[in-house]
Amino acid sequence: TFKPESVKITISDEKGKSYTLKEGEFTVKTNPGGGDSFQVVVQDMKSIVDKQFPNFNEKQENTYGQKVTLTYEATLNDLAANDTGRPGFENDVRLEFSNDADSNNGGSTGFTPWDTVVCFTYRIDIVKTNDHDKVLQGAHFRLYSDKDCTNEVYVKQGDTGYHVINRDSAGGTDHTGGSQPQDAVEMVSGADGQVILIGLDQGTYWLKETKAPDGYRLLKDPIEIKIIPTYTDDRNNYIKGQGATAETLKELQATAHIKSFYDGATEENDLQLETDPEQGNANLTVVNKVGSKLPVTGTPAMAILLVTGAGLMAVAVTKARKKE
C-alpha cells in the first residue's frame, strides 16, 4: 500500500549541494489510471534547478547534470499472503520526461525503460502434536518480535491461515507501537493440529504458547524462530521475472530453539527446520506432553504432602498403641 505523504524528491550535484523539493513543487496522483498505482509529477524541473543550482555562462546557459532522487514508502498489505517465497512481489517504476526543450509544460514526452525491484515474504507451517505424534487441537499461540514477548506480531484469520497485520496500518512500525487492530486474533491449532502463519519478513520471532490442549502441559518458554533467506549480492540489477527463479532468492533456511521442562528436567533443542524457498515456508512441529511438573522441595505442594504424610503416621502410631 503506497503512502503518498512519504514521497520525497531531492536534487544533488557533484559538489555536495542538495535541495529537497517543497510542497507545491510536485504533486502526487494516486490511482491515475492506465494500470499505474500512483504518479509523482514535477511540472517544471528545469526552473527549480536553475533557481537552486545556478551556474550560468556568458550566454546565460546553466550547467546541468544534477542527480534527482525520489524515495517513497509502501507497506505490504493482505495480498502479501498470496505469494510467499518465489516469485516475490515486483514493483515497477519509470520516468516520463519532456524531450522538447522549447516547450512550456507541453510538447512531446519520452519514457525511460521500466525499472523493477522485488521483495519476498515467508510463512511458518506449524503442526501441534503430542510425544506420540498425535495431532492436537486447541493449542493457543501468539507471535512476538522480541525475546521478552512485549511486541506482538498481530495476525488475523484468513482463508488459508493466519495473515500478518502490518503495524503501519495501526499507527506503528516494524511490529512496535500503534494500537492493536480490531481484527487481530490469537492463533489456535485446528482439528489437523495445524497453524499456518503467512506474510512474515525475514528475521527472528518468538512463538509463545498461551494455552495448551486439555490434559497437556503448557510450554514453559517461547520458541525462538529465525527465518534466514540468502539473496543474490547484486540486487540492484534485477531483471523482471527473475524472482520466480533461484537467481534472486537463492536459499531459505530456518531454525528453532525449543526449551521444554517436564518431570523436573529442562531440555533444550536447536532444530534446523525443513524449508522450501519456492513456497517460502518453514515447517515446525511443536510437541506437548501429558502430566504435571513434579513439585520442588519447599513448594506448597510438597508441604501438603509432608503434612498429610505426618498425619497418616500419627494415626498409625495411635492405632498401634491402642492394640497394645
C-alpha atoms as a PDB file:
ATOM      1  CA  THR A   1       0.000   0.000   0.000  1.00  0.00           C
ATOM      2  CA  PHE A   2       1.501   3.293  -1.163  1.00  0.00           C
ATOM      3  CA  LYS A   3       1.953   6.161   1.338  1.00  0.00           C
ATOM      4  CA  PRO A   4       1.554   9.439  -0.607  1.00  0.00           C
ATOM      5  CA  GLU A   5       2.762  11.567   2.312  1.00  0.00           C
ATOM      6  CA  SER A   6       6.119   9.766   2.287  1.00  0.00           C
ATOM      7  CA  VAL A   7       7.202  10.993  -1.160  1.00  0.00           C
ATOM      8  CA  LYS A   8      10.486  12.898  -1.076  1.00  0.00           C
ATOM      9  CA  ILE A   9      12.379  14.340  -4.067  1.00  0.00           C
ATOM     10  CA  THR A  10      15.967  15.515  -3.690  1.00  0.00           C
ATOM     11  CA  ILE A  11      18.259  17.159  -6.251  1.00  0.00           C
ATOM     12  CA  SER A  12      22.028  16.999  -5.696  1.00  0.00           C
ATOM     13  CA  ASP A  13      25.184  17.890  -7.590  1.00  0.00           C
ATOM     14  CA  GLU A  14      28.731  16.580  -7.587  1.00  0.00           C
ATOM     15  CA  LYS A  15      29.848  19.453  -5.339  1.00  0.00           C
ATOM     16  CA  GLY A  16      27.767  18.103  -2.460  1.00  0.00           C
ATOM     17  CA  LYS A  17      24.930  20.609  -2.611  1.00  0.00           C
ATOM     18  CA  SER A  18      21.402  19.220  -2.321  1.00  0.00           C
ATOM     19  CA  TYR A  19      17.874  20.578  -2.393  1.00  0.00           C
ATOM     20  CA  THR A  20      14.643  18.853  -1.341  1.00  0.00           C
ATOM     21  CA  LEU A  21      11.530  19.879  -3.224  1.00  0.00           C
ATOM     22  CA  LYS A  22       8.868  21.602  -1.163  1.00  0.00           C
ATOM     23  CA  GLU A  23       5.111  21.188  -1.134  1.00  0.00           C
ATOM     24  CA  GLY A  24       3.680  22.758  -4.270  1.00  0.00           C
ATOM     25  CA  GLU A  25       6.751  21.981  -6.386  1.00  0.00           C
ATOM     26  CA  PHE A  26       5.414  18.492  -7.131  1.00  0.00           C
ATOM     27  CA  THR A  27       2.124  16.640  -6.990  1.00  0.00           C
ATOM     28  CA  VAL A  28       1.214  13.046  -6.167  1.00  0.00           C
ATOM     29  CA  LYS A  29      -1.624  11.337  -8.016  1.00  0.00           C
ATOM     30  CA  THR A  30      -2.980   8.045  -6.658  1.00  0.00           C
ATOM     31  CA  ASN A  31      -4.729   5.574  -8.973  1.00  0.00           C
ATOM     32  CA  PRO A  32      -4.219   7.790 -12.049  1.00  0.00           C
ATOM     33  CA  GLY A  33      -5.371   5.083 -14.450  1.00  0.00           C
ATOM     34  CA  GLY A  34      -3.555   3.213 -17.166  1.00  0.00           C
ATOM     35  CA  GLY A  35      -2.639   0.438 -14.754  1.00  0.00           C
ATOM     36  CA  ASP A  36      -0.478   2.743 -12.612  1.00  0.00           C
ATOM     37  CA  SER A  37      -0.739   2.748  -8.819  1.00  0.00           C
ATOM     38  CA  PHE A  38       0.483   6.327  -8.472  1.00  0.00           C
ATOM     39  CA  GLN A  39       2.278   9.140 -10.293  1.00  0.00           C
ATOM     40  CA  VAL A  40       4.633  11.807  -8.983  1.00  0.00           C
ATOM     41  CA  VAL A  41       4.656  14.878 -11.222  1.00  0.00           C
ATOM     42  CA  VAL A  42       7.185  17.739 -11.271  1.00  0.00           C
ATOM     43  CA  GLN A  43       5.819  20.251 -13.766  1.00  0.00           C
ATOM     44  CA  ASP A  44       8.948  22.374 -14.218  1.00  0.00           C
ATOM     45  CA  MET A  45      12.109  20.680 -13.003  1.00  0.00           C
ATOM     46  CA  LYS A  46      14.260  22.990 -15.137  1.00  0.00           C
ATOM     47  CA  SER A  47      13.089  26.123 -13.324  1.00  0.00           C
ATOM     48  CA  ILE A  48      13.757  24.531  -9.938  1.00  0.00           C
ATOM     49  CA  VAL A  49      17.277  23.505 -10.965  1.00  0.00           C
ATOM     50  CA  ASP A  50      18.013  26.941 -12.438  1.00  0.00           C
ATOM     51  CA  LYS A  51      16.946  28.586  -9.194  1.00  0.00           C
ATOM     52  CA  GLN A  52      18.651  26.242  -6.739  1.00  0.00           C
ATOM     53  CA  PHE A  53      21.762  25.345  -8.790  1.00  0.00           C
ATOM     54  CA  PRO A  54      22.665  28.480 -10.751  1.00  0.00           C
ATOM     55  CA  ASN A  55      25.846  28.042 -12.777  1.00  0.00           C
ATOM     56  CA  PHE A  56      25.288  30.180 -15.871  1.00  0.00           C
ATOM     57  CA  ASN A  57      27.839  31.052 -18.537  1.00  0.00           C
ATOM     58  CA  GLU A  58      28.058  34.307 -20.503  1.00  0.00           C
ATOM     59  CA  LYS A  59      25.231  33.100 -22.749  1.00  0.00           C
ATOM     60  CA  GLN A  60      23.024  32.589 -19.691  1.00  0.00           C
ATOM     61  CA  GLU A  61      23.126  28.840 -20.183  1.00  0.00           C
ATOM     62  CA  ASN A  62      23.042  26.828 -16.995  1.00  0.00           C
ATOM     63  CA  THR A  63      25.141  23.726 -16.363  1.00  0.00           C
ATOM     64  CA  TYR A  64      23.045  20.622 -15.746  1.00  0.00           C
ATOM     65  CA  GLY A  65      23.804  17.022 -14.838  1.00  0.00           C
ATOM     66  CA  GLN A  66      22.355  17.067 -11.327  1.00  0.00           C
ATOM     67  CA  LYS A  67      21.062  13.853  -9.780  1.00  0.00           C
ATOM     68  CA  VAL A  68      17.373  13.551  -8.894  1.00  0.00           C
ATOM     69  CA  THR A  69      16.417  11.017  -6.214  1.00  0.00           C
ATOM     70  CA  LEU A  70      12.808  10.093  -5.458  1.00  0.00           C
ATOM     71  CA  THR A  71      12.001   7.982  -2.411  1.00  0.00           C
ATOM     72  CA  TYR A  72       8.687   6.770  -1.028  1.00  0.00           C
ATOM     73  CA  GLU A  73       7.334   4.263   1.470  1.00  0.00           C
ATOM     74  CA  ALA A  74       4.886   1.430   0.934  1.00  0.00           C
ATOM     75  CA  THR A  75       3.711  -1.447   3.095  1.00  0.00           C
ATOM     76  CA  LEU A  76       2.756  -4.981   2.169  1.00  0.00           C
ATOM     77  CA  ASN A  77      -0.991  -5.428   2.526  1.00  0.00           C
ATOM     78  CA  ASP A  78      -3.092  -8.593   2.678  1.00  0.00           C
ATOM     79  CA  LEU A  79      -2.058  -9.509  -0.862  1.00  0.00           C
ATOM     80  CA  ALA A  80       1.309 -10.483   0.617  1.00  0.00           C
ATOM     81  CA  ALA A  81      -0.353 -13.686   1.798  1.00  0.00           C
ATOM     82  CA  ASN A  82      -0.931 -14.843  -1.756  1.00  0.00           C
ATOM     83  CA  ASP A  83       2.671 -15.163  -2.904  1.00  0.00           C
ATOM     84  CA  THR A  84       5.110 -16.163  -0.163  1.00  0.00           C
ATOM     85  CA  GLY A  85       8.524 -17.276  -1.396  1.00  0.00           C
ATOM     86  CA  ARG A  86       9.121 -17.155  -5.125  1.00  0.00           C
ATOM     87  CA  PRO A  87       8.283 -15.274  -7.305  1.00  0.00           C
ATOM     88  CA  GLY A  88       8.010 -12.464  -4.730  1.00  0.00           C
ATOM     89  CA  PHE A  89       6.369  -9.071  -5.198  1.00  0.00           C
ATOM     90  CA  GLU A  90       7.565  -6.845  -8.011  1.00  0.00           C
ATOM     91  CA  ASN A  91       7.309  -3.059  -8.190  1.00  0.00           C
ATOM     92  CA  ASP A  92       7.911  -1.214 -11.451  1.00  0.00           C
ATOM     93  CA  VAL A  93       8.795   2.432 -11.983  1.00  0.00           C
ATOM     94  CA  ARG A  94       9.746   4.564 -14.973  1.00  0.00           C
ATOM     95  CA  LEU A  95      10.351   8.228 -15.746  1.00  0.00           C
ATOM     96  CA  GLU A  96       8.345  10.249 -18.237  1.00  0.00           C
ATOM     97  CA  PHE A  97      10.271  13.302 -19.406  1.00  0.00           C
ATOM     98  CA  SER A  98       9.924  16.170 -21.822  1.00  0.00           C
ATOM     99  CA  ASN A  99      12.077  15.808 -24.918  1.00  0.00           C
ATOM    100  CA  ASP A 100      11.137  19.223 -26.292  1.00  0.00           C
ATOM    101  CA  ALA A 101      13.428  21.815 -24.760  1.00  0.00           C
ATOM    102  CA  ASP A 102      11.389  24.691 -26.175  1.00  0.00           C
ATOM    103  CA  SER A 103       8.053  23.536 -24.780  1.00  0.00           C
ATOM    104  CA  ASN A 104       6.420  25.150 -21.768  1.00  0.00           C
ATOM    105  CA  ASN A 105       4.871  22.279 -19.798  1.00  0.00           C
ATOM    106  CA  GLY A 106       3.744  20.706 -23.034  1.00  0.00           C
ATOM    107  CA  GLY A 107       5.086  19.115 -26.174  1.00  0.00           C
ATOM    108  CA  SER A 108       6.165  15.540 -26.680  1.00  0.00           C
ATOM    109  CA  THR A 109       7.498  13.291 -23.940  1.00  0.00           C
ATOM    110  CA  GLY A 110       9.590  10.157 -23.711  1.00  0.00           C
ATOM    111  CA  PHE A 111       9.944   7.311 -21.239  1.00  0.00           C
ATOM    112  CA  THR A 112      12.854   5.555 -19.613  1.00  0.00           C
ATOM    113  CA  PRO A 113      12.732   1.737 -19.531  1.00  0.00           C
ATOM    114  CA  TRP A 114      10.853   0.210 -16.604  1.00  0.00           C
ATOM    115  CA  ASP A 115      12.995  -0.376 -13.526  1.00  0.00           C
ATOM    116  CA  THR A 116      11.835  -3.307 -11.368  1.00  0.00           C
ATOM    117  CA  VAL A 117      12.576  -4.334  -7.784  1.00  0.00           C
ATOM    118  CA  VAL A 118      11.349  -7.383  -5.872  1.00  0.00           C
ATOM    119  CA  CYS A 119      10.707  -8.293  -2.232  1.00  0.00           C
ATOM    120  CA  PHE A 120       9.755 -11.569  -0.551  1.00  0.00           C
ATOM    121  CA  THR A 121       7.598 -12.766   2.344  1.00  0.00           C
ATOM    122  CA  TYR A 122       7.570 -16.107   4.155  1.00  0.00           C
ATOM    123  CA  ARG A 123       5.339 -18.469   6.122  1.00  0.00           C
ATOM    124  CA  ILE A 124       5.645 -20.922   9.003  1.00  0.00           C
ATOM    125  CA  ASP A 125       3.644 -24.144   8.878  1.00  0.00           C
ATOM    126  CA  ILE A 126       3.180 -25.307  12.479  1.00  0.00           C
ATOM    127  CA  VAL A 127       1.894 -28.739  13.472  1.00  0.00           C
ATOM    128  CA  LYS A 128       0.902 -29.344  17.091  1.00  0.00           C
ATOM    129  CA  THR A 129       1.359 -32.949  18.329  1.00  0.00           C
ATOM    130  CA  ASN A 130       1.911 -34.956  21.481  1.00  0.00           C
ATOM    131  CA  ASP A 131       5.026 -37.074  22.036  1.00  0.00           C
ATOM    132  CA  HIS A 132       3.335 -39.985  20.215  1.00  0.00           C
ATOM    133  CA  ASP A 133       2.818 -37.957  17.004  1.00  0.00           C
ATOM    134  CA  LYS A 134      -0.907 -37.497  17.579  1.00  0.00           C
ATOM    135  CA  VAL A 135      -2.080 -34.116  16.264  1.00  0.00           C
ATOM    136  CA  LEU A 136      -3.588 -31.841  18.898  1.00  0.00           C
ATOM    137  CA  GLN A 137      -6.434 -29.387  18.521  1.00  0.00           C
ATOM    138  CA  GLY A 138      -6.923 -26.327  20.695  1.00  0.00           C
ATOM    139  CA  ALA A 139      -3.357 -25.106  21.322  1.00  0.00           C
ATOM    140  CA  HIS A 140      -3.269 -21.278  21.504  1.00  0.00           C
ATOM    141  CA  PHE A 141      -0.305 -19.225  20.266  1.00  0.00           C
ATOM    142  CA  ARG A 142       0.844 -15.627  19.898  1.00  0.00           C
ATOM    143  CA  LEU A 143       3.874 -14.412  17.931  1.00  0.00           C
ATOM    144  CA  TYR A 144       6.295 -11.687  19.064  1.00  0.00           C
ATOM    145  CA  SER A 145       9.223  -9.810  17.557  1.00  0.00           C
ATOM    146  CA  ASP A 146      11.171  -9.542  20.831  1.00  0.00           C
ATOM    147  CA  LYS A 147      12.513 -12.037  23.359  1.00  0.00           C
ATOM    148  CA  ASP A 148      10.503 -10.536  26.234  1.00  0.00           C
ATOM    149  CA  CYS A 149       7.295 -11.018  24.234  1.00  0.00           C
ATOM    150  CA  THR A 150       6.137  -7.402  24.539  1.00  0.00           C
ATOM    151  CA  ASN A 151       5.857  -6.527  20.825  1.00  0.00           C
ATOM    152  CA  GLU A 152       3.201  -8.789  19.371  1.00  0.00           C
ATOM    153  CA  VAL A 153       3.123  -9.606  15.672  1.00  0.00           C
ATOM    154  CA  TYR A 154      -0.610  -9.227  15.152  1.00  0.00           C
ATOM    155  CA  VAL A 155      -2.400 -11.669  12.874  1.00  0.00           C
ATOM    156  CA  LYS A 156      -5.919 -12.083  11.560  1.00  0.00           C
ATOM    157  CA  GLN A 157      -7.809 -15.122  10.359  1.00  0.00           C
ATOM    158  CA  GLY A 158      -7.705 -15.713   6.600  1.00  0.00           C
ATOM    159  CA  ASP A 159      -8.963 -18.376   4.230  1.00  0.00           C
ATOM    160  CA  THR A 160      -5.663 -20.255   4.164  1.00  0.00           C
ATOM    161  CA  GLY A 161      -4.265 -19.453   7.610  1.00  0.00           C
ATOM    162  CA  TYR A 162      -3.335 -16.544   9.858  1.00  0.00           C
ATOM    163  CA  HIS A 163      -2.156 -13.443   7.990  1.00  0.00           C
ATOM    164  CA  VAL A 164       0.292 -10.947   9.498  1.00  0.00           C
ATOM    165  CA  ILE A 165      -1.204  -7.470  10.015  1.00  0.00           C
ATOM    166  CA  ASN A 166       1.246  -4.709   9.177  1.00  0.00           C
ATOM    167  CA  ARG A 167       1.784  -2.438  12.203  1.00  0.00           C
ATOM    168  CA  ASP A 168       1.941   0.599   9.919  1.00  0.00           C
ATOM    169  CA  SER A 169      -1.818   0.279   9.434  1.00  0.00           C
ATOM    170  CA  ALA A 170      -2.257   0.653  13.213  1.00  0.00           C
ATOM    171  CA  GLY A 171      -0.015   3.686  13.690  1.00  0.00           C
ATOM    172  CA  GLY A 172       3.173   1.765  14.471  1.00  0.00           C
ATOM    173  CA  THR A 173       6.095   0.378  12.548  1.00  0.00           C
ATOM    174  CA  ASP A 174       8.111  -2.844  12.433  1.00  0.00           C
ATOM    175  CA  HIS A 175       5.876  -4.682  14.952  1.00  0.00           C
ATOM    176  CA  THR A 176       6.193  -1.892  17.532  1.00  0.00           C
ATOM    177  CA  GLY A 177       3.933   0.957  18.616  1.00  0.00           C
ATOM    178  CA  GLY A 178       0.458   1.755  17.451  1.00  0.00           C
ATOM    179  CA  SER A 179      -2.761   0.179  18.657  1.00  0.00           C
ATOM    180  CA  GLN A 180      -3.990  -3.386  18.444  1.00  0.00           C
ATOM    181  CA  PRO A 181      -6.042  -3.873  15.260  1.00  0.00           C
ATOM    182  CA  GLN A 182      -9.683  -4.773  15.856  1.00  0.00           C
ATOM    183  CA  ASP A 183      -9.423  -7.887  13.699  1.00  0.00           C
ATOM    184  CA  ALA A 184      -6.319  -9.248  15.476  1.00  0.00           C
ATOM    185  CA  VAL A 185      -6.813 -12.754  16.876  1.00  0.00           C
ATOM    186  CA  GLU A 186      -4.955 -15.440  18.784  1.00  0.00           C
ATOM    187  CA  MET A 187      -3.797 -18.422  16.726  1.00  0.00           C
ATOM    188  CA  VAL A 188      -5.401 -21.781  17.561  1.00  0.00           C
ATOM    189  CA  SER A 189      -4.486 -25.199  16.170  1.00  0.00           C
ATOM    190  CA  GLY A 190      -7.311 -26.848  14.234  1.00  0.00           C
ATOM    191  CA  ALA A 191      -8.517 -30.434  14.124  1.00  0.00           C
ATOM    192  CA  ASP A 192      -5.500 -31.272  11.945  1.00  0.00           C
ATOM    193  CA  GLY A 193      -3.162 -29.718  14.529  1.00  0.00           C
ATOM    194  CA  GLN A 194      -2.062 -27.042  12.064  1.00  0.00           C
ATOM    195  CA  VAL A 195      -1.385 -23.338  12.480  1.00  0.00           C
ATOM    196  CA  ILE A 196      -0.384 -21.667   9.202  1.00  0.00           C
ATOM    197  CA  LEU A 197       1.296 -18.273   9.686  1.00  0.00           C
ATOM    198  CA  ILE A 198       1.567 -16.231   6.476  1.00  0.00           C
ATOM    199  CA  GLY A 199       3.265 -12.982   5.415  1.00  0.00           C
ATOM    200  CA  LEU A 200       6.389 -12.841   7.594  1.00  0.00           C
ATOM    201  CA  ASP A 201       9.549 -10.902   6.844  1.00  0.00           C
ATOM    202  CA  GLN A 202      12.975 -12.412   7.377  1.00  0.00           C
ATOM    203  CA  GLY A 203      14.294 -12.138  10.936  1.00  0.00           C
ATOM    204  CA  THR A 204      13.824 -13.557  14.427  1.00  0.00           C
ATOM    205  CA  TYR A 205      10.484 -14.248  16.077  1.00  0.00           C
ATOM    206  CA  TRP A 206       9.279 -15.794  19.340  1.00  0.00           C
ATOM    207  CA  LEU A 207       6.284 -18.143  19.266  1.00  0.00           C
ATOM    208  CA  LYS A 208       4.573 -18.307  22.659  1.00  0.00           C
ATOM    209  CA  GLU A 209       2.062 -20.959  23.616  1.00  0.00           C
ATOM    210  CA  THR A 210      -0.599 -19.280  25.755  1.00  0.00           C
ATOM    211  CA  LYS A 211      -2.885 -22.268  26.300  1.00  0.00           C
ATOM    212  CA  ALA A 212      -2.146 -25.982  25.920  1.00  0.00           C
ATOM    213  CA  PRO A 213      -4.717 -28.543  24.757  1.00  0.00           C
ATOM    214  CA  ASP A 214      -6.732 -30.101  27.575  1.00  0.00           C
ATOM    215  CA  GLY A 215      -4.679 -32.604  29.556  1.00  0.00           C
ATOM    216  CA  TYR A 216      -1.305 -31.384  28.260  1.00  0.00           C
ATOM    217  CA  ARG A 217       1.492 -29.290  29.746  1.00  0.00           C
ATOM    218  CA  LEU A 218       2.000 -25.715  28.581  1.00  0.00           C
ATOM    219  CA  LEU A 219       5.391 -24.946  27.020  1.00  0.00           C
ATOM    220  CA  LYS A 220       7.490 -23.129  29.629  1.00  0.00           C
ATOM    221  CA  ASP A 221       9.343 -20.787  27.255  1.00  0.00           C
ATOM    222  CA  PRO A 222       8.637 -19.194  23.858  1.00  0.00           C
ATOM    223  CA  ILE A 223      10.153 -20.897  20.807  1.00  0.00           C
ATOM    224  CA  GLU A 224      12.778 -18.753  19.083  1.00  0.00           C
ATOM    225  CA  ILE A 225      12.405 -18.958  15.288  1.00  0.00           C
ATOM    226  CA  LYS A 226      14.813 -17.486  12.743  1.00  0.00           C
ATOM    227  CA  ILE A 227      13.955 -17.065   9.053  1.00  0.00           C
ATOM    228  CA  ILE A 228      17.194 -16.752   7.077  1.00  0.00           C
ATOM    229  CA  PRO A 229      16.982 -16.205   3.300  1.00  0.00           C
ATOM    230  CA  THR A 230      20.041 -15.935   1.072  1.00  0.00           C
ATOM    231  CA  TYR A 231      19.753 -13.387  -1.753  1.00  0.00           C
ATOM    232  CA  THR A 232      21.940 -12.575  -4.700  1.00  0.00           C
ATOM    233  CA  ASP A 233      24.646  -9.997  -3.978  1.00  0.00           C
ATOM    234  CA  ASP A 234      23.525  -7.956  -6.994  1.00  0.00           C
ATOM    235  CA  ARG A 235      20.017  -6.827  -6.029  1.00  0.00           C
ATOM    236  CA  ASN A 236      20.380  -3.543  -7.957  1.00  0.00           C
ATOM    237  CA  ASN A 237      20.456  -5.235 -11.362  1.00  0.00           C
ATOM    238  CA  TYR A 238      17.218  -7.159 -11.050  1.00  0.00           C
ATOM    239  CA  ILE A 239      15.548  -8.346 -14.249  1.00  0.00           C
ATOM    240  CA  LYS A 240      11.760  -8.503 -14.290  1.00  0.00           C
ATOM    241  CA  GLY A 241      10.525 -12.040 -13.670  1.00  0.00           C
ATOM    242  CA  GLN A 242      13.787 -13.160 -12.076  1.00  0.00           C
ATOM    243  CA  GLY A 243      12.097 -13.538  -8.689  1.00  0.00           C
ATOM    244  CA  ALA A 244      10.493 -16.754  -9.907  1.00  0.00           C
ATOM    245  CA  THR A 245      13.927 -18.332 -10.329  1.00  0.00           C
ATOM    246  CA  ALA A 246      16.783 -19.109  -7.953  1.00  0.00           C
ATOM    247  CA  GLU A 247      18.721 -16.085  -9.233  1.00  0.00           C
ATOM    248  CA  THR A 248      17.413 -13.673  -6.576  1.00  0.00           C
ATOM    249  CA  LEU A 249      16.169 -15.763  -3.635  1.00  0.00           C
ATOM    250  CA  LYS A 250      18.893 -18.382  -3.705  1.00  0.00           C
ATOM    251  CA  GLU A 251      18.223 -20.317  -0.497  1.00  0.00           C
ATOM    252  CA  LEU A 252      15.933 -20.328   2.514  1.00  0.00           C
ATOM    253  CA  GLN A 253      16.952 -21.565   5.945  1.00  0.00           C
ATOM    254  CA  ALA A 254      15.062 -21.531   9.233  1.00  0.00           C
ATOM    255  CA  THR A 255      15.971 -22.576  12.766  1.00  0.00           C
ATOM    256  CA  ALA A 256      14.081 -23.089  16.017  1.00  0.00           C
ATOM    257  CA  HIS A 257      15.356 -23.089  19.597  1.00  0.00           C
ATOM    258  CA  ILE A 258      12.945 -25.025  21.820  1.00  0.00           C
ATOM    259  CA  LYS A 259      13.207 -25.204  25.607  1.00  0.00           C
ATOM    260  CA  SER A 260      10.930 -27.602  27.485  1.00  0.00           C
ATOM    261  CA  PHE A 261      10.558 -28.549  31.152  1.00  0.00           C
ATOM    262  CA  TYR A 262       8.957 -31.854  32.128  1.00  0.00           C
ATOM    263  CA  ASP A 263       9.205 -34.045  35.222  1.00  0.00           C
ATOM    264  CA  GLY A 264      11.685 -31.693  36.864  1.00  0.00           C
ATOM    265  CA  ALA A 265      14.164 -31.643  33.946  1.00  0.00           C
ATOM    266  CA  THR A 266      14.913 -28.920  31.387  1.00  0.00           C
ATOM    267  CA  GLU A 267      15.616 -29.921  27.802  1.00  0.00           C
ATOM    268  CA  GLU A 268      16.860 -27.587  25.052  1.00  0.00           C
ATOM    269  CA  ASN A 269      16.985 -28.359  21.336  1.00  0.00           C
ATOM    270  CA  ASP A 270      18.263 -26.406  18.335  1.00  0.00           C
ATOM    271  CA  LEU A 271      16.482 -27.527  15.196  1.00  0.00           C
ATOM    272  CA  GLN A 272      17.209 -26.929  11.519  1.00  0.00           C
ATOM    273  CA  LEU A 273      13.730 -26.654  10.026  1.00  0.00           C
ATOM    274  CA  GLU A 274      12.681 -28.124   6.709  1.00  0.00           C
ATOM    275  CA  THR A 275      12.143 -25.286   4.215  1.00  0.00           C
ATOM    276  CA  ASP A 276      11.026 -24.723   0.634  1.00  0.00           C
ATOM    277  CA  PRO A 277      12.178 -21.451  -0.990  1.00  0.00           C
ATOM    278  CA  GLU A 278       9.691 -21.976  -3.814  1.00  0.00           C
ATOM    279  CA  GLN A 279       6.770 -21.750  -1.375  1.00  0.00           C
ATOM    280  CA  GLY A 280       8.696 -19.646   1.149  1.00  0.00           C
ATOM    281  CA  ASN A 281       7.697 -21.874   4.052  1.00  0.00           C
ATOM    282  CA  ALA A 282       9.386 -23.444   7.078  1.00  0.00           C
ATOM    283  CA  ASN A 283       7.897 -26.492   8.821  1.00  0.00           C
ATOM    284  CA  LEU A 284       7.813 -26.612  12.623  1.00  0.00           C
ATOM    285  CA  THR A 285       6.415 -29.367  14.863  1.00  0.00           C
ATOM    286  CA  VAL A 286       5.532 -28.276  18.409  1.00  0.00           C
ATOM    287  CA  VAL A 287       5.171 -31.107  20.941  1.00  0.00           C
ATOM    288  CA  ASN A 288       3.112 -31.134  24.147  1.00  0.00           C
ATOM    289  CA  LYS A 289       3.480 -33.858  26.755  1.00  0.00           C
ATOM    290  CA  VAL A 290       0.985 -35.227  29.257  1.00  0.00           C
ATOM    291  CA  GLY A 291       1.473 -34.860  33.013  1.00  0.00           C
ATOM    292  CA  SER A 292       2.280 -32.261  35.604  1.00  0.00           C
ATOM    293  CA  LYS A 293       5.599 -30.986  36.820  1.00  0.00           C
ATOM    294  CA  LEU A 294       6.951 -32.771  39.902  1.00  0.00           C
ATOM    295  CA  PRO A 295       6.828 -30.471  42.968  1.00  0.00           C
ATOM    296  CA  VAL A 296      10.091 -28.982  44.136  1.00  0.00           C
ATOM    297  CA  THR A 297      11.097 -29.132  47.834  1.00  0.00           C
ATOM    298  CA  GLY A 298       9.773 -26.087  49.668  1.00  0.00           C
ATOM    299  CA  THR A 299       6.698 -25.562  47.479  1.00  0.00           C
ATOM    300  CA  PRO A 300       3.127 -25.614  48.889  1.00  0.00           C
ATOM    301  CA  ALA A 301       2.534 -28.936  47.102  1.00  0.00           C
ATOM    302  CA  MET A 302       5.431 -30.522  48.991  1.00  0.00           C
ATOM    303  CA  ALA A 303       4.222 -29.012  52.294  1.00  0.00           C
ATOM    304  CA  ILE A 304       0.787 -30.564  51.810  1.00  0.00           C
ATOM    305  CA  LEU A 305       2.353 -33.936  51.076  1.00  0.00           C
ATOM    306  CA  LEU A 306       4.515 -33.721  54.195  1.00  0.00           C
ATOM    307  CA  VAL A 307       1.635 -32.703  56.457  1.00  0.00           C
ATOM    308  CA  THR A 308      -0.595 -35.420  55.054  1.00  0.00           C
ATOM    309  CA  GLY A 309       2.145 -37.991  55.466  1.00  0.00           C
ATOM    310  CA  ALA A 310       2.823 -36.912  59.058  1.00  0.00           C
ATOM    311  CA  GLY A 311      -0.882 -37.173  59.830  1.00  0.00           C
ATOM    312  CA  LEU A 312      -1.020 -40.699  58.488  1.00  0.00           C
ATOM    313  CA  MET A 313       1.982 -41.657  60.611  1.00  0.00           C
ATOM    314  CA  ALA A 314       0.326 -40.190  63.729  1.00  0.00           C
ATOM    315  CA  VAL A 315      -2.838 -42.188  63.090  1.00  0.00           C
ATOM    316  CA  ALA A 316      -0.811 -45.339  62.591  1.00  0.00           C
ATOM    317  CA  VAL A 317       1.060 -44.807  65.888  1.00  0.00           C
ATOM    318  CA  THR A 318      -2.199 -44.156  67.776  1.00  0.00           C
ATOM    319  CA  LYS A 319      -3.785 -47.325  66.446  1.00  0.00           C
ATOM    320  CA  ALA A 320      -0.703 -49.314  67.347  1.00  0.00           C
ATOM    321  CA  ARG A 321      -0.814 -48.027  70.945  1.00  0.00           C
ATOM    322  CA  LYS A 322      -4.470 -48.973  71.305  1.00  0.00           C
ATOM    323  CA  LYS A 323      -3.690 -52.504  70.204  1.00  0.00           C
ATOM    324  CA  GLU A 324      -1.002 -52.733  72.846  1.00  0.00           C
END
